[in-house]
Amino acid sequence: MDWMILIIAGLMEVAFTFCLGKTKGAVGTECYLWWGGFLVALTLSMVLMSKAAKTIPIGTVYPVWTGIGAVGAVIVGIVFFHEPTNFWRLFFITTLIISIVGLKLV
């Protein structure tokens, strides 16, 4: 169960990154809503990560959490913000995913 909580915490990190990206072009009420979403996702991410760290070693929790966030942020950037995709970018994201899985396995 704690691994699911950690995965959700990582996905909340992706959510707050997405909200942060959306604030770039937003004005007025829309901007405040995206900042609100950012704060909610950030808070959930931190609370859930803290909960997962009660039973999973912090040396595993933090890299997995940041890895999910990093991979998710790159994917969000490519899909929603039209950031460039090239071989090396995908190669290093793949190595990051392999590293996250490796941490789970050991």
Protein backbone atom coordinates (compact mmCIF):
# COMPACT_ATOMS: atom_id res chain seq x y z
CA MET A 1 0.00 0.00 0.00
CA ASP A 2 2.83 2.41 0.81
CA TRP A 3 4.27 1.95 -2.68
CA MET A 4 0.90 3.00 -4.14
CA ILE A 5 0.93 6.05 -1.87
CA LEU A 6 4.44 6.88 -3.09
CA ILE A 7 3.39 6.52 -6.73
CA ILE A 8 0.41 8.83 -6.14
CA ALA A 9 2.75 11.31 -4.42
CA GLY A 10 4.96 11.24 -7.52
CA LEU A 11 1.94 11.78 -9.76
CA MET A 12 0.97 14.77 -7.60
CA GLU A 13 4.44 16.14 -8.30
CA VAL A 14 3.67 15.82 -12.00
CA ALA A 15 0.34 17.58 -11.39
CA PHE A 16 1.94 20.53 -9.63
CA THR A 17 4.51 20.81 -12.42
CA PHE A 18 1.68 20.88 -14.97
CA CYS A 19 -0.17 23.57 -13.00
CA LEU A 20 3.02 25.60 -12.75
CA GLY A 21 3.46 25.38 -16.52
CA LYS A 22 -0.13 26.51 -17.10
CA THR A 23 0.41 29.66 -14.99
CA LYS A 24 2.84 30.92 -17.62
CA GLY A 25 0.16 32.10 -20.03
CA ALA A 26 -2.72 32.58 -17.60
CA VAL A 27 -4.09 35.91 -16.39
CA GLY A 28 -6.64 36.96 -13.79
CA THR A 29 -8.86 34.31 -12.25
CA GLU A 30 -7.45 31.56 -14.45
CA CYS A 31 -3.97 32.27 -13.09
CA TYR A 32 -5.21 32.10 -9.50
CA LEU A 33 -6.94 28.78 -10.20
CA TRP A 34 -3.76 27.26 -11.64
CA TRP A 35 -1.79 28.51 -8.62
CA GLY A 36 -4.44 27.00 -6.37
CA GLY A 37 -4.11 23.68 -8.18
CA PHE A 38 -0.34 23.94 -7.80
CA LEU A 39 -0.62 24.44 -4.03
CA VAL A 40 -3.13 21.61 -3.57
CA ALA A 41 -1.04 19.16 -5.63
CA LEU A 42 2.16 20.25 -3.87
CA THR A 43 0.61 19.75 -0.45
CA LEU A 44 -0.80 16.33 -1.36
CA SER A 45 2.52 15.29 -2.83
CA MET A 46 4.44 16.22 0.31
CA VAL A 47 1.93 14.67 2.71
CA LEU A 48 1.77 11.41 0.75
CA MET A 49 5.55 11.23 0.40
CA SER A 50 5.89 11.73 4.14
CA LYS A 51 3.38 8.94 4.77
CA ALA A 52 5.24 6.55 2.46
CA ALA A 53 8.53 7.38 4.20
CA LYS A 54 7.21 5.90 7.43
CA THR A 55 7.71 2.35 6.11
CA ILE A 56 9.90 2.73 3.01
CA PRO A 57 13.49 3.94 3.53
CA ILE A 58 13.89 7.66 2.75
CA GLY A 59 16.88 6.78 0.56
CA THR A 60 14.40 4.96 -1.68
CA VAL A 61 11.37 7.22 -1.23
CA TYR A 62 13.00 10.43 -2.33
CA PRO A 63 14.70 9.16 -5.52
CA VAL A 64 11.53 7.30 -6.59
CA TRP A 65 9.38 10.39 -5.88
CA THR A 66 11.68 12.73 -7.79
CA GLY A 67 12.12 10.19 -10.58
CA ILE A 68 8.37 9.86 -11.11
CA GLY A 69 8.13 13.64 -11.06
CA ALA A 70 11.01 14.11 -13.49
CA VAL A 71 9.78 11.52 -15.98
CA GLY A 72 6.23 12.82 -15.68
CA ALA A 73 7.33 16.43 -16.11
CA VAL A 74 9.21 15.57 -19.29
CA ILE A 75 6.22 13.67 -20.67
CA VAL A 76 3.85 16.53 -19.72
CA GLY A 77 6.25 18.99 -21.34
CA ILE A 78 6.33 17.00 -24.57
CA VAL A 79 2.58 16.29 -24.73
CA PHE A 80 1.06 19.52 -23.40
CA PHE A 81 3.73 22.20 -23.82
CA HIS A 82 5.21 20.98 -27.13
CA GLU A 83 8.75 20.69 -25.83
CA PRO A 84 11.29 19.06 -28.15
CA THR A 85 11.70 15.30 -28.37
CA ASN A 86 14.98 13.82 -29.52
CA PHE A 87 16.92 10.61 -29.11
CA TRP A 88 19.08 11.74 -26.20
CA ARG A 89 16.20 13.16 -24.22
CA LEU A 90 14.25 9.91 -24.57
CA PHE A 91 17.38 7.86 -23.88
CA PHE A 92 18.06 9.58 -20.56
CA ILE A 93 14.41 9.44 -19.50
CA THR A 94 14.50 5.70 -20.23
CA THR A 95 17.61 5.27 -18.07
CA LEU A 96 15.86 7.18 -15.28
CA ILE A 97 12.86 4.85 -15.49
CA ILE A 98 15.17 1.82 -15.37
CA SER A 99 16.86 3.29 -12.29
CA ILE A 100 13.52 3.82 -10.53
CA VAL A 101 12.48 0.25 -11.24
CA GLY A 102 15.89 -0.92 -10.02
CA LEU A 103 15.38 0.87 -6.70
CA LYS A 104 12.02 -0.84 -6.31
CA LEU A 105 13.58 -4.25 -6.98
CA VAL A 106 16.45 -3.96 -4.51
